[in-house]
C-alpha atoms as a PDB file:
ATOM      1  CA  MET A   1     -19.577 -22.769   7.464  1.00  0.00           C
ATOM      2  CA  THR A   2     -21.528 -24.652  10.188  1.00  0.00           C
ATOM      3  CA  ALA A   3     -19.325 -27.718   9.812  1.00  0.00           C
ATOM      4  CA  ASP A   4     -16.185 -25.577  10.096  1.00  0.00           C
ATOM      5  CA  VAL A   5     -17.433 -23.841  13.265  1.00  0.00           C
ATOM      6  CA  LEU A   6     -18.398 -27.136  14.891  1.00  0.00           C
ATOM      7  CA  GLU A   7     -15.040 -28.696  14.096  1.00  0.00           C
ATOM      8  CA  ASP A   8     -12.925 -25.671  15.087  1.00  0.00           C
ATOM      9  CA  ARG A   9     -14.843 -24.592  18.205  1.00  0.00           C
ATOM     10  CA  TYR A  10     -16.359 -27.884  19.432  1.00  0.00           C
ATOM     11  CA  GLY A  11     -14.164 -30.639  18.005  1.00  0.00           C
ATOM     12  CA  LEU A  12     -17.141 -32.209  16.223  1.00  0.00           C
ATOM     13  CA  VAL A  13     -17.103 -33.696  12.716  1.00  0.00           C
ATOM     14  CA  VAL A  14     -20.325 -33.064  10.812  1.00  0.00           C
ATOM     15  CA  ASP A  15     -21.993 -35.490   8.400  1.00  0.00           C
ATOM     16  CA  LEU A  16     -25.219 -33.587   7.689  1.00  0.00           C
ATOM     17  CA  VAL A  17     -26.558 -30.055   8.211  1.00  0.00           C
ATOM     18  CA  GLU A  18     -30.259 -29.262   7.693  1.00  0.00           C
ATOM     19  CA  PRO A  19     -31.865 -25.836   8.045  1.00  0.00           C
ATOM     20  CA  VAL A  20     -34.648 -25.546  10.617  1.00  0.00           C
ATOM     21  CA  HIS A  21     -37.134 -22.876   9.611  1.00  0.00           C
ATOM     22  CA  MET A  22     -38.194 -21.555  12.996  1.00  0.00           C
ATOM     23  CA  GLY A  23     -37.291 -18.603  15.136  1.00  0.00           C
ATOM     24  CA  THR A  24     -37.065 -15.002  14.088  1.00  0.00           C
ATOM     25  CA  ASP A  25     -33.740 -13.772  15.415  1.00  0.00           C
ATOM     26  CA  THR A  26     -31.471 -16.770  14.848  1.00  0.00           C
ATOM     27  CA  ILE A  27     -30.470 -19.114  12.056  1.00  0.00           C
ATOM     28  CA  ASN A  28     -31.212 -22.648  13.231  1.00  0.00           C
ATOM     29  CA  ARG A  29     -29.830 -25.924  11.968  1.00  0.00           C
ATOM     30  CA  ARG A  30     -30.151 -29.613  12.763  1.00  0.00           C
ATOM     31  CA  VAL A  31     -26.817 -31.427  12.619  1.00  0.00           C
ATOM     32  CA  LEU A  32     -25.818 -35.076  12.534  1.00  0.00           C
ATOM     33  CA  THR A  33     -22.195 -35.780  13.469  1.00  0.00           C
ATOM     34  CA  ASP A  34     -19.989 -38.560  12.168  1.00  0.00           C
ATOM     35  CA  ASP A  35     -20.408 -40.430  15.461  1.00  0.00           C
ATOM     36  CA  GLY A  36     -24.212 -40.232  15.409  1.00  0.00           C
ATOM     37  CA  LEU A  37     -24.884 -37.224  17.650  1.00  0.00           C
ATOM     38  CA  ARG A  38     -28.014 -35.270  16.766  1.00  0.00           C
ATOM     39  CA  LEU A  39     -27.537 -31.604  17.595  1.00  0.00           C
ATOM     40  CA  PHE A  40     -29.424 -28.317  17.290  1.00  0.00           C
ATOM     41  CA  VAL A  41     -27.259 -25.319  16.361  1.00  0.00           C
ATOM     42  CA  LYS A  42     -28.261 -21.667  16.779  1.00  0.00           C
ATOM     43  CA  GLN A  43     -26.383 -18.914  14.979  1.00  0.00           C
ATOM     44  CA  TYR A  44     -27.053 -15.458  16.393  1.00  0.00           C
ATOM     45  CA  PRO A  45     -27.032 -12.255  14.341  1.00  0.00           C
ATOM     46  CA  ALA A  46     -24.315  -9.654  14.902  1.00  0.00           C
ATOM     47  CA  MET A  47     -26.701  -7.370  16.824  1.00  0.00           C
ATOM     48  CA  ALA A  48     -27.861 -10.102  19.241  1.00  0.00           C
ATOM     49  CA  ASP A  49     -27.713  -9.475  22.980  1.00  0.00           C
ATOM     50  CA  LEU A  50     -25.029 -12.034  23.851  1.00  0.00           C
ATOM     51  CA  ASP A  51     -25.394 -11.525  27.600  1.00  0.00           C
ATOM     52  CA  GLU A  52     -29.051 -12.506  27.257  1.00  0.00           C
ATOM     53  CA  ALA A  53     -28.128 -15.571  25.179  1.00  0.00           C
ATOM     54  CA  ARG A  54     -25.439 -16.626  27.658  1.00  0.00           C
ATOM     55  CA  ASN A  55     -27.840 -16.192  30.587  1.00  0.00           C
ATOM     56  CA  ALA A  56     -30.466 -18.328  28.838  1.00  0.00           C
ATOM     57  CA  TRP A  57     -28.002 -21.154  28.139  1.00  0.00           C
ATOM     58  CA  ASP A  58     -26.570 -20.911  31.667  1.00  0.00           C
ATOM     59  CA  MET A  59     -30.113 -21.304  33.024  1.00  0.00           C
ATOM     60  CA  SER A  60     -30.682 -24.285  30.764  1.00  0.00           C
ATOM     61  CA  GLU A  61     -27.585 -26.008  32.161  1.00  0.00           C
ATOM     62  CA  TYR A  62     -28.661 -25.075  35.702  1.00  0.00           C
ATOM     63  CA  CYS A  63     -32.007 -26.786  35.083  1.00  0.00           C
ATOM     64  CA  ARG A  64     -30.293 -29.835  33.587  1.00  0.00           C
ATOM     65  CA  ALA A  65     -28.032 -30.059  36.659  1.00  0.00           C
ATOM     66  CA  ALA A  66     -31.220 -30.099  38.761  1.00  0.00           C
ATOM     67  CA  GLU A  67     -32.246 -33.149  36.691  1.00  0.00           C
ATOM     68  CA  LEU A  68     -34.976 -31.384  34.739  1.00  0.00           C
ATOM     69  CA  PRO A  69     -35.433 -32.865  31.261  1.00  0.00           C
ATOM     70  CA  VAL A  70     -33.668 -30.220  29.162  1.00  0.00           C
ATOM     71  CA  PRO A  71     -31.135 -30.834  26.388  1.00  0.00           C
ATOM     72  CA  ARG A  72     -27.435 -30.542  27.134  1.00  0.00           C
ATOM     73  CA  VAL A  73     -25.724 -27.332  26.030  1.00  0.00           C
ATOM     74  CA  TRP A  74     -22.313 -28.103  24.557  1.00  0.00           C
ATOM     75  CA  PRO A  75     -19.406 -25.982  25.756  1.00  0.00           C
ATOM     76  CA  ASP A  76     -16.853 -24.947  23.151  1.00  0.00           C
ATOM     77  CA  VAL A  77     -13.120 -25.621  23.363  1.00  0.00           C
ATOM     78  CA  ASP A  78     -12.792 -22.707  25.814  1.00  0.00           C
ATOM     79  CA  ASP A  79     -15.678 -23.993  27.976  1.00  0.00           C
ATOM     80  CA  ASN A  80     -18.095 -21.265  26.800  1.00  0.00           C
ATOM     81  CA  LEU A  81     -21.763 -22.078  26.177  1.00  0.00           C
ATOM     82  CA  VAL A  82     -21.904 -19.365  23.495  1.00  0.00           C
ATOM     83  CA  THR A  83     -18.943 -19.226  21.134  1.00  0.00           C
ATOM     84  CA  ILE A  84     -17.856 -16.572  18.662  1.00  0.00           C
ATOM     85  CA  ALA A  85     -16.809 -17.771  15.209  1.00  0.00           C
ATOM     86  CA  GLU A  86     -17.102 -16.567  11.623  1.00  0.00           C
ATOM     87  CA  GLY A  87     -18.353 -13.174  12.859  1.00  0.00           C
ATOM     88  CA  SER A  88     -21.348 -14.664  14.701  1.00  0.00           C
ATOM     89  CA  ALA A  89     -22.250 -16.129  18.065  1.00  0.00           C
ATOM     90  CA  TRP A  90     -23.193 -19.814  18.150  1.00  0.00           C
ATOM     91  CA  ALA A  91     -24.769 -22.244  20.615  1.00  0.00           C
ATOM     92  CA  VAL A  92     -24.930 -26.027  20.268  1.00  0.00           C
ATOM     93  CA  VAL A  93     -27.385 -28.249  22.156  1.00  0.00           C
ATOM     94  CA  ASP A  94     -28.485 -31.853  21.990  1.00  0.00           C
ATOM     95  CA  GLU A  95     -31.521 -32.179  19.768  1.00  0.00           C
ATOM     96  CA  ALA A  96     -34.648 -32.412  21.913  1.00  0.00           C
ATOM     97  CA  PRO A  97     -36.835 -35.395  21.090  1.00  0.00           C
ATOM     98  CA  ALA A  98     -40.041 -34.539  19.274  1.00  0.00           C
ATOM     99  CA  GLY A  99     -42.913 -34.597  21.648  1.00  0.00           C
END
């Protein structure tokens, strides 16, 4: 399902999807695309506060625009930072380097 969402909503072709066991309210995955991008994907539950999620990702992009070292949030095909697909909300960001 993750690969389908990333292809349909982001135009990305997935090579590998790995679960990331962290977080309590989202399903998290690490993704490697066919062109070598390393991404972090969050899938939100149906009852998630999507306004809160959108505000958080908007703030992340605001900080990145101010040249703070935060990962890029990928907009979907409709230029949304949080997309709706397969009955869930999704967000895709560049994988942050381990520190």
